[in-house]
PDB file of N, CA and C in Angstrom:
ATOM      1  N   MET A   1      -1.901 -15.830 -55.394  1.00  0.00           N
ATOM      2  CA  MET A   1      -2.890 -15.682 -56.649  1.00  0.00           C
ATOM      3  C   MET A   1      -2.639 -14.211 -57.249  1.00  0.00           C
ATOM      4  N   ALA A   2      -3.029 -15.287 -58.771  1.00  0.00           N
ATOM      5  CA  ALA A   2      -3.174 -14.680 -59.961  1.00  0.00           C
ATOM      6  C   ALA A   2      -4.396 -13.629 -60.533  1.00  0.00           C
ATOM      7  N   ARG A   3      -4.436 -12.152 -60.240  1.00  0.00           N
ATOM      8  CA  ARG A   3      -5.666 -11.523 -60.734  1.00  0.00           C
ATOM      9  C   ARG A   3      -5.299 -10.854 -61.863  1.00  0.00           C
ATOM     10  N   SER A   4      -6.529 -10.500 -62.709  1.00  0.00           N
ATOM     11  CA  SER A   4      -6.068  -9.435 -63.803  1.00  0.00           C
ATOM     12  C   SER A   4      -6.909  -8.527 -63.503  1.00  0.00           C
ATOM     13  N   LEU A   5      -6.653  -7.695 -64.600  1.00  0.00           N
ATOM     14  CA  LEU A   5      -7.188  -5.968 -63.810  1.00  0.00           C
ATOM     15  C   LEU A   5      -7.019  -6.030 -65.136  1.00  0.00           C
ATOM     16  N   VAL A   6      -8.511  -4.658 -65.257  1.00  0.00           N
ATOM     17  CA  VAL A   6      -8.796  -4.352 -66.130  1.00  0.00           C
ATOM     18  C   VAL A   6      -8.988  -2.248 -66.436  1.00  0.00           C
ATOM     19  N   ILE A   7      -8.302  -2.229 -67.174  1.00  0.00           N
ATOM     20  CA  ILE A   7      -8.038  -0.420 -66.922  1.00  0.00           C
ATOM     21  C   ILE A   7     -10.115  -0.215 -67.982  1.00  0.00           C
ATOM     22  N   THR A   8     -10.529   0.807 -66.562  1.00  0.00           N
ATOM     23  CA  THR A   8     -12.044   1.344 -67.878  1.00  0.00           C
ATOM     24  C   THR A   8     -11.987   2.119 -68.452  1.00  0.00           C
ATOM     25  N   GLU A   9     -12.942   2.125 -69.168  1.00  0.00           N
ATOM     26  CA  GLU A   9     -12.666   3.158 -70.193  1.00  0.00           C
ATOM     27  C   GLU A   9     -12.634   4.540 -69.466  1.00  0.00           C
ATOM     28  N   LEU A  10     -13.200   5.006 -68.470  1.00  0.00           N
ATOM     29  CA  LEU A  10     -13.056   6.550 -67.578  1.00  0.00           C
ATOM     30  C   LEU A  10     -11.452   6.508 -67.242  1.00  0.00           C
ATOM     31  N   GLY A  11     -10.938   4.976 -66.999  1.00  0.00           N
ATOM     32  CA  GLY A  11      -9.047   5.461 -66.937  1.00  0.00           C
ATOM     33  C   GLY A  11      -8.456   5.886 -67.989  1.00  0.00           C
ATOM     34  N   LEU A  12      -9.160   4.428 -69.147  1.00  0.00           N
ATOM     35  CA  LEU A  12      -7.946   5.312 -70.357  1.00  0.00           C
ATOM     36  C   LEU A  12      -8.309   6.603 -70.655  1.00  0.00           C
ATOM     37  N   GLN A  13      -9.444   7.210 -70.343  1.00  0.00           N
ATOM     38  CA  GLN A  13      -9.268   8.490 -70.531  1.00  0.00           C
ATOM     39  C   GLN A  13      -8.076   9.184 -69.659  1.00  0.00           C
ATOM     40  N   ALA A  14      -8.427   9.037 -68.494  1.00  0.00           N
ATOM     41  CA  ALA A  14      -8.078  10.244 -67.078  1.00  0.00           C
ATOM     42  C   ALA A  14      -6.150   9.890 -67.621  1.00  0.00           C
ATOM     43  N   PHE A  15      -5.679   8.550 -68.522  1.00  0.00           N
ATOM     44  CA  PHE A  15      -4.542   8.496 -68.737  1.00  0.00           C
ATOM     45  C   PHE A  15      -3.977   9.035 -70.299  1.00  0.00           C
ATOM     46  N   GLN A  16      -5.256   9.824 -70.896  1.00  0.00           N
ATOM     47  CA  GLN A  16      -5.146  10.545 -72.174  1.00  0.00           C
ATOM     48  C   GLN A  16      -5.195  11.793 -71.715  1.00  0.00           C
ATOM     49  N   LYS A  17      -6.342  12.510 -70.138  1.00  0.00           N
ATOM     50  CA  LYS A  17      -6.289  13.323 -70.522  1.00  0.00           C
ATOM     51  C   LYS A  17      -4.646  14.264 -70.001  1.00  0.00           C
ATOM     52  N   SER A  18      -4.269  13.564 -69.063  1.00  0.00           N
ATOM     53  CA  SER A  18      -2.282  14.604 -68.093  1.00  0.00           C
ATOM     54  C   SER A  18      -1.545  12.191 -68.809  1.00  0.00           C
ATOM     55  N   PRO A  19      -0.546  13.012 -69.093  1.00  0.00           N
ATOM     56  CA  PRO A  19       0.036  12.098 -69.007  1.00  0.00           C
ATOM     57  C   PRO A  19       1.036  11.937 -67.319  1.00  0.00           C
ATOM     58  N   LEU A  20       1.482  11.183 -66.816  1.00  0.00           N
ATOM     59  CA  LEU A  20       2.552  10.406 -66.146  1.00  0.00           C
ATOM     60  C   LEU A  20       3.776  10.472 -65.658  1.00  0.00           C
ATOM     61  N   THR A  21       3.911  11.677 -65.056  1.00  0.00           N
ATOM     62  CA  THR A  21       5.270  11.992 -64.938  1.00  0.00           C
ATOM     63  C   THR A  21       6.090  10.345 -64.562  1.00  0.00           C
ATOM     64  N   LYS A  22       7.455   9.997 -64.655  1.00  0.00           N
ATOM     65  CA  LYS A  22       7.949   9.200 -64.968  1.00  0.00           C
ATOM     66  C   LYS A  22       7.821   8.819 -62.714  1.00  0.00           C
ATOM     67  N   VAL A  23       8.073   9.380 -62.204  1.00  0.00           N
ATOM     68  CA  VAL A  23       8.165   9.297 -60.346  1.00  0.00           C
ATOM     69  C   VAL A  23       6.326   8.371 -60.464  1.00  0.00           C
ATOM     70  N   GLU A  24       4.705   9.222 -61.130  1.00  0.00           N
ATOM     71  CA  GLU A  24       3.685   9.193 -61.224  1.00  0.00           C
ATOM     72  C   GLU A  24       3.618   7.651 -60.979  1.00  0.00           C
ATOM     73  N   GLY A  25       3.919   7.391 -62.702  1.00  0.00           N
ATOM     74  CA  GLY A  25       3.761   5.881 -63.428  1.00  0.00           C
ATOM     75  C   GLY A  25       4.212   4.816 -62.442  1.00  0.00           C
ATOM     76  N   PHE A  26       5.359   4.894 -61.892  1.00  0.00           N
ATOM     77  CA  PHE A  26       6.663   4.236 -61.165  1.00  0.00           C
ATOM     78  C   PHE A  26       5.400   3.972 -60.289  1.00  0.00           C
ATOM     79  N   ILE A  27       4.629   4.640 -58.458  1.00  0.00           N
ATOM     80  CA  ILE A  27       4.256   4.585 -57.942  1.00  0.00           C
ATOM     81  C   ILE A  27       3.025   4.487 -57.718  1.00  0.00           C
ATOM     82  N   LEU A  28       2.232   4.463 -58.614  1.00  0.00           N
ATOM     83  CA  LEU A  28       1.047   3.911 -59.354  1.00  0.00           C
ATOM     84  C   LEU A  28       0.903   2.646 -59.585  1.00  0.00           C
ATOM     85  N   TRP A  29       2.003   2.334 -60.687  1.00  0.00           N
ATOM     86  CA  TRP A  29       1.913   0.728 -60.913  1.00  0.00           C
ATOM     87  C   TRP A  29       2.261   0.147 -59.740  1.00  0.00           C
ATOM     88  N   HIS A  30       3.528   0.027 -59.242  1.00  0.00           N
ATOM     89  CA  HIS A  30       3.856  -0.093 -58.038  1.00  0.00           C
ATOM     90  C   HIS A  30       2.724  -0.347 -56.920  1.00  0.00           C
ATOM     91  N   LEU A  31       1.718   0.060 -57.077  1.00  0.00           N
ATOM     92  CA  LEU A  31      -0.007   0.480 -55.922  1.00  0.00           C
ATOM     93  C   LEU A  31      -0.991  -0.444 -56.852  1.00  0.00           C
ATOM     94  N   ILE A  32      -1.023  -0.105 -58.138  1.00  0.00           N
ATOM     95  CA  ILE A  32      -1.709  -1.214 -58.280  1.00  0.00           C
ATOM     96  C   ILE A  32      -1.445  -3.507 -58.758  1.00  0.00           C
ATOM     97  N   GLY A  33      -0.390  -3.209 -58.640  1.00  0.00           N
ATOM     98  CA  GLY A  33       0.771  -4.514 -58.628  1.00  0.00           C
ATOM     99  C   GLY A  33       0.669  -5.380 -57.374  1.00  0.00           C
ATOM    100  N   ARG A  34       0.427  -3.986 -55.896  1.00  0.00           N
ATOM    101  CA  ARG A  34       0.105  -4.657 -54.952  1.00  0.00           C
ATOM    102  C   ARG A  34      -1.073  -4.309 -54.062  1.00  0.00           C
ATOM    103  N   PHE A  35      -2.206  -3.789 -54.726  1.00  0.00           N
ATOM    104  CA  PHE A  35      -3.477  -3.583 -54.243  1.00  0.00           C
ATOM    105  C   PHE A  35      -4.851  -3.884 -54.910  1.00  0.00           C
ATOM    106  N   PRO A  36      -5.708  -4.772 -53.941  1.00  0.00           N
ATOM    107  CA  PRO A  36      -6.746  -4.995 -54.672  1.00  0.00           C
ATOM    108  C   PRO A  36      -7.495  -3.503 -54.645  1.00  0.00           C
ATOM    109  N   VAL A  37      -8.498  -3.428 -56.055  1.00  0.00           N
ATOM    110  CA  VAL A  37      -8.501  -1.993 -55.893  1.00  0.00           C
ATOM    111  C   VAL A  37      -9.903  -1.819 -55.400  1.00  0.00           C
ATOM    112  N   SER A  38     -10.438  -2.745 -55.162  1.00  0.00           N
ATOM    113  CA  SER A  38     -11.658  -2.619 -53.528  1.00  0.00           C
ATOM    114  C   SER A  38     -11.435  -2.636 -52.384  1.00  0.00           C
ATOM    115  N   GLY A  39     -10.434  -3.066 -51.940  1.00  0.00           N
ATOM    116  CA  GLY A  39     -10.041  -3.230 -50.558  1.00  0.00           C
ATOM    117  C   GLY A  39      -8.731  -2.962 -49.811  1.00  0.00           C
ATOM    118  N   ASP A  40      -7.861  -2.678 -49.648  1.00  0.00           N
ATOM    119  CA  ASP A  40      -6.625  -2.547 -49.432  1.00  0.00           C
ATOM    120  C   ASP A  40      -6.566  -1.148 -49.093  1.00  0.00           C
ATOM    121  N   VAL A  41      -5.695  -0.203 -48.140  1.00  0.00           N
ATOM    122  CA  VAL A  41      -5.188   0.894 -47.964  1.00  0.00           C
ATOM    123  C   VAL A  41      -3.858   1.830 -48.253  1.00  0.00           C
ATOM    124  N   ILE A  42      -2.719   2.312 -48.397  1.00  0.00           N
ATOM    125  CA  ILE A  42      -2.114   2.733 -48.192  1.00  0.00           C
ATOM    126  C   ILE A  42      -1.263   3.899 -47.863  1.00  0.00           C
ATOM    127  N   SER A  43      -0.558   4.387 -46.568  1.00  0.00           N
ATOM    128  CA  SER A  43      -0.239   4.945 -46.567  1.00  0.00           C
ATOM    129  C   SER A  43       0.963   5.966 -47.060  1.00  0.00           C
ATOM    130  N   LYS A  44       1.223   7.310 -47.429  1.00  0.00           N
ATOM    131  CA  LYS A  44       1.650   8.014 -47.954  1.00  0.00           C
ATOM    132  C   LYS A  44       3.948   6.877 -46.927  1.00  0.00           C
ATOM    133  N   THR A  45       3.322   7.171 -45.637  1.00  0.00           N
ATOM    134  CA  THR A  45       4.255   5.923 -44.285  1.00  0.00           C
ATOM    135  C   THR A  45       5.124   4.833 -45.694  1.00  0.00           C
ATOM    136  N   GLN A  46       3.929   4.491 -45.175  1.00  0.00           N
ATOM    137  CA  GLN A  46       4.481   3.136 -45.804  1.00  0.00           C
ATOM    138  C   GLN A  46       4.214   2.700 -47.095  1.00  0.00           C
ATOM    139  N   LEU A  47       4.576   3.760 -48.149  1.00  0.00           N
ATOM    140  CA  LEU A  47       4.710   3.688 -49.848  1.00  0.00           C
ATOM    141  C   LEU A  47       5.835   4.339 -49.032  1.00  0.00           C
ATOM    142  N   GLU A  48       6.546   5.532 -48.793  1.00  0.00           N
ATOM    143  CA  GLU A  48       8.044   6.092 -48.338  1.00  0.00           C
ATOM    144  C   GLU A  48       8.768   4.721 -47.755  1.00  0.00           C
ATOM    145  N   SER A  49       8.548   3.732 -47.356  1.00  0.00           N
ATOM    146  CA  SER A  49       8.584   3.073 -46.691  1.00  0.00           C
ATOM    147  C   SER A  49       9.633   1.883 -47.814  1.00  0.00           C
ATOM    148  N   SER A  50       8.218   1.505 -48.400  1.00  0.00           N
ATOM    149  CA  SER A  50       8.716   0.403 -48.965  1.00  0.00           C
ATOM    150  C   SER A  50       9.630   0.368 -50.911  1.00  0.00           C
ATOM    151  N   LEU A  51       9.909   2.115 -51.219  1.00  0.00           N
ATOM    152  CA  LEU A  51       9.636   2.295 -52.119  1.00  0.00           C
ATOM    153  C   LEU A  51      10.790   3.147 -51.702  1.00  0.00           C
ATOM    154  N   SER A  52      11.443   3.194 -50.978  1.00  0.00           N
ATOM    155  CA  SER A  52      12.523   3.700 -50.735  1.00  0.00           C
ATOM    156  C   SER A  52      12.200   5.326 -51.721  1.00  0.00           C
ATOM    157  N   ILE A  53      11.534   6.433 -51.240  1.00  0.00           N
ATOM    158  CA  ILE A  53      11.989   7.757 -51.981  1.00  0.00           C
ATOM    159  C   ILE A  53      10.842   8.649 -50.896  1.00  0.00           C
ATOM    160  N   SER A  54      11.568   9.817 -51.053  1.00  0.00           N
ATOM    161  CA  SER A  54      11.630  10.575 -49.332  1.00  0.00           C
ATOM    162  C   SER A  54       9.997  11.771 -49.783  1.00  0.00           C
ATOM    163  N   HIS A  55      10.092  11.581 -48.567  1.00  0.00           N
ATOM    164  CA  HIS A  55       8.602  12.637 -47.495  1.00  0.00           C
ATOM    165  C   HIS A  55       8.117  13.140 -48.507  1.00  0.00           C
ATOM    166  N   ARG A  56       8.582  13.833 -49.058  1.00  0.00           N
ATOM    167  CA  ARG A  56       8.450  15.421 -50.552  1.00  0.00           C
ATOM    168  C   ARG A  56       8.164  14.544 -51.562  1.00  0.00           C
ATOM    169  N   ALA A  57       9.084  13.551 -52.170  1.00  0.00           N
ATOM    170  CA  ALA A  57       8.196  13.015 -53.603  1.00  0.00           C
ATOM    171  C   ALA A  57       7.506  11.907 -53.006  1.00  0.00           C
ATOM    172  N   ALA A  58       6.825  11.211 -52.144  1.00  0.00           N
ATOM    173  CA  ALA A  58       5.721  10.946 -51.585  1.00  0.00           C
ATOM    174  C   ALA A  58       4.178  11.293 -51.773  1.00  0.00           C
ATOM    175  N   SER A  59       4.634  13.001 -51.366  1.00  0.00           N
ATOM    176  CA  SER A  59       2.880  13.448 -50.662  1.00  0.00           C
ATOM    177  C   SER A  59       2.412  13.805 -51.731  1.00  0.00           C
ATOM    178  N   THR A  60       3.486  14.656 -52.539  1.00  0.00           N
ATOM    179  CA  THR A  60       3.379  15.572 -54.286  1.00  0.00           C
ATOM    180  C   THR A  60       2.613  14.589 -54.941  1.00  0.00           C
ATOM    181  N   THR A  61       3.473  13.521 -54.959  1.00  0.00           N
ATOM    182  CA  THR A  61       2.634  12.318 -55.760  1.00  0.00           C
ATOM    183  C   THR A  61       1.864  11.903 -55.912  1.00  0.00           C
ATOM    184  N   MET A  62       1.427  11.072 -54.100  1.00  0.00           N
ATOM    185  CA  MET A  62       0.024  11.511 -54.127  1.00  0.00           C
ATOM    186  C   MET A  62      -0.849  12.383 -54.442  1.00  0.00           C
ATOM    187  N   LYS A  63      -0.632  13.615 -53.719  1.00  0.00           N
ATOM    188  CA  LYS A  63      -1.528  14.247 -54.436  1.00  0.00           C
ATOM    189  C   LYS A  63      -2.534  14.537 -55.538  1.00  0.00           C
ATOM    190  N   ARG A  64      -1.209  14.548 -56.755  1.00  0.00           N
ATOM    191  CA  ARG A  64      -1.403  14.603 -57.880  1.00  0.00           C
ATOM    192  C   ARG A  64      -2.133  13.571 -58.325  1.00  0.00           C
ATOM    193  N   LEU A  65      -1.684  12.498 -57.996  1.00  0.00           N
ATOM    194  CA  LEU A  65      -2.960  11.475 -58.436  1.00  0.00           C
ATOM    195  C   LEU A  65      -4.020  11.148 -58.120  1.00  0.00           C
ATOM    196  N   SER A  66      -4.204  11.582 -56.347  1.00  0.00           N
ATOM    197  CA  SER A  66      -5.524  12.036 -56.436  1.00  0.00           C
ATOM    198  C   SER A  66      -6.353  13.609 -57.129  1.00  0.00           C
ATOM    199  N   GLU A  67      -5.704  14.058 -57.005  1.00  0.00           N
ATOM    200  CA  GLU A  67      -6.665  15.182 -58.092  1.00  0.00           C
ATOM    201  C   GLU A  67      -7.048  15.031 -59.736  1.00  0.00           C
ATOM    202  N   ARG A  68      -5.803  13.566 -60.376  1.00  0.00           N
ATOM    203  CA  ARG A  68      -6.087  13.318 -61.211  1.00  0.00           C
ATOM    204  C   ARG A  68      -7.287  11.840 -61.722  1.00  0.00           C
ATOM    205  N   GLY A  69      -6.987  12.015 -60.332  1.00  0.00           N
ATOM    206  CA  GLY A  69      -8.971  10.537 -59.921  1.00  0.00           C
ATOM    207  C   GLY A  69      -7.927   9.401 -60.116  1.00  0.00           C
ATOM    208  N   PHE A  70      -6.603   8.816 -60.176  1.00  0.00           N
ATOM    209  CA  PHE A  70      -6.685   7.716 -60.316  1.00  0.00           C
ATOM    210  C   PHE A  70      -6.315   7.248 -58.587  1.00  0.00           C
ATOM    211  N   LEU A  71      -6.025   8.166 -57.889  1.00  0.00           N
ATOM    212  CA  LEU A  71      -6.700   7.452 -56.458  1.00  0.00           C
ATOM    213  C   LEU A  71      -7.241   8.126 -55.575  1.00  0.00           C
ATOM    214  N   VAL A  72      -7.850   7.643 -54.228  1.00  0.00           N
ATOM    215  CA  VAL A  72      -9.254   7.759 -53.821  1.00  0.00           C
ATOM    216  C   VAL A  72      -8.449   8.063 -52.325  1.00  0.00           C
ATOM    217  N   ARG A  73      -8.567   9.709 -51.934  1.00  0.00           N
ATOM    218  CA  ARG A  73      -7.967  10.350 -50.599  1.00  0.00           C
ATOM    219  C   ARG A  73      -9.157   8.965 -49.216  1.00  0.00           C
ATOM    220  N   GLY A  74      -8.617   8.808 -48.735  1.00  0.00           N
ATOM    221  CA  GLY A  74      -9.752   8.184 -47.784  1.00  0.00           C
ATOM    222  C   GLY A  74      -8.943   8.832 -46.019  1.00  0.00           C
ATOM    223  N   PRO A  75      -9.769   8.948 -45.104  1.00  0.00           N
ATOM    224  CA  PRO A  75      -9.346   9.616 -44.190  1.00  0.00           C
ATOM    225  C   PRO A  75      -7.888   9.872 -43.724  1.00  0.00           C
ATOM    226  N   LYS A  76      -7.897  10.283 -42.580  1.00  0.00           N
ATOM    227  CA  LYS A  76      -6.251  10.732 -42.070  1.00  0.00           C
ATOM    228  C   LYS A  76      -5.981   9.596 -40.655  1.00  0.00           C
ATOM    229  N   VAL A  77      -5.124   9.060 -40.758  1.00  0.00           N
ATOM    230  CA  VAL A  77      -5.171   8.188 -39.935  1.00  0.00           C
ATOM    231  C   VAL A  77      -3.492   8.608 -38.987  1.00  0.00           C
ATOM    232  N   GLY A  78      -3.730   9.386 -38.006  1.00  0.00           N
ATOM    233  CA  GLY A  78      -2.402   9.514 -37.307  1.00  0.00           C
ATOM    234  C   GLY A  78      -1.997  11.246 -38.078  1.00  0.00           C
ATOM    235  N   VAL A  79      -0.417  10.438 -38.738  1.00  0.00           N
ATOM    236  CA  VAL A  79       0.035  11.782 -39.129  1.00  0.00           C
ATOM    237  C   VAL A  79      -0.368  12.340 -41.124  1.00  0.00           C
ATOM    238  N   SER A  80      -1.017  10.892 -41.674  1.00  0.00           N
ATOM    239  CA  SER A  80      -1.241  10.778 -42.523  1.00  0.00           C
ATOM    240  C   SER A  80      -2.478  10.320 -43.428  1.00  0.00           C
ATOM    241  N   HIS A  81      -2.708  10.495 -44.259  1.00  0.00           N
ATOM    242  CA  HIS A  81      -4.069  11.002 -45.255  1.00  0.00           C
ATOM    243  C   HIS A  81      -3.988   8.465 -45.318  1.00  0.00           C
ATOM    244  N   HIS A  82      -4.192   8.093 -45.749  1.00  0.00           N
ATOM    245  CA  HIS A  82      -4.584   6.618 -46.356  1.00  0.00           C
ATOM    246  C   HIS A  82      -5.058   6.648 -47.944  1.00  0.00           C
ATOM    247  N   TYR A  83      -4.702   5.661 -49.443  1.00  0.00           N
ATOM    248  CA  TYR A  83      -5.402   5.582 -50.406  1.00  0.00           C
ATOM    249  C   TYR A  83      -6.176   5.060 -50.915  1.00  0.00           C
ATOM    250  N   LYS A  84      -6.878   4.248 -51.813  1.00  0.00           N
ATOM    251  CA  LYS A  84      -6.680   3.231 -52.325  1.00  0.00           C
ATOM    252  C   LYS A  84      -6.745   3.665 -54.010  1.00  0.00           C
ATOM    253  N   LEU A  85      -6.308   2.622 -54.826  1.00  0.00           N
ATOM    254  CA  LEU A  85      -6.914   2.383 -56.510  1.00  0.00           C
ATOM    255  C   LEU A  85      -8.518   3.262 -56.370  1.00  0.00           C
ATOM    256  N   ASN A  86      -9.045   3.516 -57.713  1.00  0.00           N
ATOM    257  CA  ASN A  86     -10.373   4.840 -57.260  1.00  0.00           C
ATOM    258  C   ASN A  86     -10.552   3.412 -58.658  1.00  0.00           C
ATOM    259  N   PRO A  87     -11.564   2.450 -58.016  1.00  0.00           N
ATOM    260  CA  PRO A  87     -12.097   1.659 -58.565  1.00  0.00           C
ATOM    261  C   PRO A  87     -13.527   1.907 -59.703  1.00  0.00           C
ATOM    262  N   ALA A  88     -13.459   3.826 -60.318  1.00  0.00           N
ATOM    263  CA  ALA A  88     -14.092   3.980 -61.998  1.00  0.00           C
ATOM    264  C   ALA A  88     -13.528   3.528 -62.571  1.00  0.00           C
ATOM    265  N   LEU A  89     -11.604   3.549 -62.488  1.00  0.00           N
ATOM    266  CA  LEU A  89     -10.519   3.600 -63.210  1.00  0.00           C
ATOM    267  C   LEU A  89     -10.215   2.090 -63.335  1.00  0.00           C
ATOM    268  N   PHE A  90     -10.342   1.556 -62.197  1.00  0.00           N
ATOM    269  CA  PHE A  90      -9.868   0.155 -62.436  1.00  0.00           C
ATOM    270  C   PHE A  90     -10.761  -0.737 -61.948  1.00  0.00           C
ATOM    271  N   LYS A  91     -10.673  -2.088 -62.400  1.00  0.00           N
ATOM    272  CA  LYS A  91     -11.609  -2.752 -62.063  1.00  0.00           C
ATOM    273  C   LYS A  91     -10.334  -4.053 -62.366  1.00  0.00           C
ATOM    274  N   VAL A  92     -10.649  -5.402 -61.091  1.00  0.00           N
ATOM    275  CA  VAL A  92     -10.695  -6.893 -61.204  1.00  0.00           C
ATOM    276  C   VAL A  92     -11.101  -7.934 -60.903  1.00  0.00           C
ATOM    277  N   LEU A  93     -10.681  -8.757 -62.061  1.00  0.00           N
ATOM    278  CA  LEU A  93     -11.020  -9.027 -62.756  1.00  0.00           C
ATOM    279  C   LEU A  93     -10.472 -10.885 -61.916  1.00  0.00           C
ATOM    280  N   SER A  94     -11.434 -11.793 -61.279  1.00  0.00           N
ATOM    281  CA  SER A  94     -11.398 -12.694 -61.009  1.00  0.00           C
ATOM    282  C   SER A  94     -11.682 -13.787 -60.982  1.00  0.00           C
TER     283      SER A  94
END
């Protein structure tokens, strides 16, 4: 099912305030393309597996994206925190 994503004014400000590195952008756009804003979450372990990246790269990037407000960190399940896109920065149009 096709969907349209809108970056909110707050989202644009976040991108302007702190530009992303190549790895951060790669991971963020992968998550945006794969998960709905309002629902699904992903663990670092799932991300490492799907993108074939190291644990360290995933941990560092997810932490930075959370600190910058692009992701919201959820509960720790097992050994990994779960993350979702910040709905204040991204809106899905149906």
